[in-house]
Amino acid sequence: GAMELSGWRRASLPADDSVAQTLYLDFVRRVLSEAGIDRPTIRPGRSIERSGVFSRLPVTVDARADLAKLTTFLKAFEDAPLLHQIRRLRIQPVLKENKIE
């Protein structure tokens, strides 16, 4: 009901897509950095409006990290009080470097 809607509003980004995207990209960069993931490539996608109620702001991140850093990032991402999700995660071992990609 009203309590649930209030919670969703608190966990939402601003309605202005450009402001929301800037804030979200800053969040993603900060969480990656705090997890110790260096030099990620972060590519914002185009905003996708859904039902006139909300917009999706897709972001693609390419990075190399060891499993501990990836786990730290995923935990911080999950714990953030935002309405967001990881839609796809691809992990590949990088032989010789003891890292995953």
Protein backbone atom coordinates (compact mmCIF):
# COMPACT_ATOMS: atom_id res chain seq x y z
CA GLY A 1 0.00 0.00 0.00
CA ALA A 2 1.04 3.52 0.82
CA MET A 3 3.99 2.38 2.97
CA GLU A 4 5.33 0.24 0.11
CA LEU A 5 4.98 3.11 -2.38
CA SER A 6 6.75 5.45 0.03
CA GLY A 7 9.65 2.98 0.28
CA TRP A 8 9.89 2.72 -3.49
CA ARG A 9 10.03 6.50 -3.78
CA ARG A 10 12.89 6.69 -1.26
CA ALA A 11 14.80 4.02 -3.21
CA SER A 12 14.22 5.70 -6.58
CA LEU A 13 16.46 8.07 -8.46
CA PRO A 14 15.19 11.54 -9.47
CA ALA A 15 12.57 11.70 -12.23
CA ASP A 16 14.87 13.72 -14.52
CA ASP A 17 16.71 11.03 -16.53
CA SER A 18 19.92 13.02 -17.03
CA VAL A 19 20.19 13.80 -13.30
CA ALA A 20 19.31 10.21 -12.42
CA GLN A 21 21.90 8.82 -14.82
CA THR A 22 24.64 11.11 -13.49
CA LEU A 23 23.87 10.12 -9.90
CA TYR A 24 23.68 6.42 -10.74
CA LEU A 25 26.94 6.40 -12.72
CA ASP A 26 28.62 8.14 -9.77
CA PHE A 27 27.20 5.45 -7.47
CA VAL A 28 28.47 2.62 -9.72
CA ARG A 29 31.94 4.21 -9.97
CA ARG A 30 32.11 4.68 -6.19
CA VAL A 31 31.05 1.11 -5.38
CA LEU A 32 33.53 -0.32 -7.90
CA SER A 33 36.32 1.86 -6.49
CA GLU A 34 35.49 0.98 -2.88
CA ALA A 35 35.60 -2.71 -3.85
CA GLY A 36 39.12 -2.16 -5.21
CA ILE A 37 38.17 -2.70 -8.84
CA ASP A 38 40.50 -0.51 -10.85
CA ARG A 39 39.99 0.95 -14.32
CA PRO A 40 36.51 -0.38 -15.10
CA THR A 41 34.87 0.58 -18.37
CA ILE A 42 31.42 1.97 -17.59
CA ARG A 43 29.01 2.54 -20.47
CA PRO A 44 25.61 4.11 -19.87
CA GLY A 45 22.77 2.97 -22.08
CA ARG A 46 19.73 4.90 -23.22
CA SER A 47 16.96 5.43 -20.71
CA ILE A 48 13.96 3.16 -21.34
CA GLU A 49 10.61 4.44 -20.10
CA ARG A 50 8.30 1.78 -18.72
CA SER A 51 4.54 2.36 -18.57
CA GLY A 52 5.02 6.06 -17.87
CA VAL A 53 5.70 5.10 -14.26
CA PHE A 54 9.46 4.54 -14.19
CA SER A 55 12.51 4.46 -16.43
CA ARG A 56 15.27 1.89 -16.70
CA LEU A 57 18.78 3.29 -16.86
CA PRO A 58 20.93 0.48 -18.25
CA VAL A 59 24.64 0.50 -17.47
CA THR A 60 27.30 -1.90 -18.74
CA VAL A 61 30.48 -2.44 -16.74
CA ASP A 62 33.53 -4.30 -18.01
CA ALA A 63 36.25 -4.91 -15.44
CA ARG A 64 38.89 -7.30 -14.20
CA ALA A 65 39.03 -8.26 -10.55
CA ASP A 66 39.77 -11.16 -8.31
CA LEU A 67 36.86 -13.06 -6.80
CA ALA A 68 37.13 -11.26 -3.43
CA LYS A 69 36.76 -7.84 -5.08
CA LEU A 70 33.85 -9.02 -7.21
CA THR A 71 32.14 -10.38 -4.10
CA THR A 72 32.71 -7.08 -2.26
CA PHE A 73 31.20 -5.16 -5.18
CA LEU A 74 28.17 -7.45 -5.45
CA LYS A 75 27.48 -7.22 -1.71
CA ALA A 76 27.68 -3.40 -1.71
CA PHE A 77 25.49 -3.24 -4.84
CA GLU A 78 22.87 -5.51 -3.27
CA ASP A 79 22.92 -3.62 0.06
CA ALA A 80 22.43 -0.19 -1.55
CA PRO A 81 18.96 1.22 -0.86
CA LEU A 82 18.14 1.61 -4.56
CA LEU A 83 15.62 0.02 -6.90
CA HIS A 84 18.15 -1.63 -9.20
CA GLN A 85 19.26 -5.04 -10.32
CA ILE A 86 21.96 -6.85 -12.20
CA ARG A 87 20.27 -8.32 -15.26
CA ARG A 88 23.29 -10.22 -16.57
CA LEU A 89 26.66 -11.15 -15.10
CA ARG A 90 29.31 -12.89 -17.15
CA ILE A 91 32.41 -14.15 -15.40
CA GLN A 92 35.45 -15.59 -17.17
CA PRO A 93 38.68 -16.77 -15.62
CA VAL A 94 41.74 -14.96 -16.89
CA LEU A 95 44.47 -17.55 -16.85
CA LYS A 96 47.93 -16.36 -15.76
CA GLU A 97 46.54 -13.34 -13.86
CA ASN A 98 44.59 -15.03 -11.05
CA LYS A 99 41.66 -12.77 -11.94
CA ILE A 100 38.23 -13.04 -13.46
CA GLU A 101 36.76 -10.88 -16.18
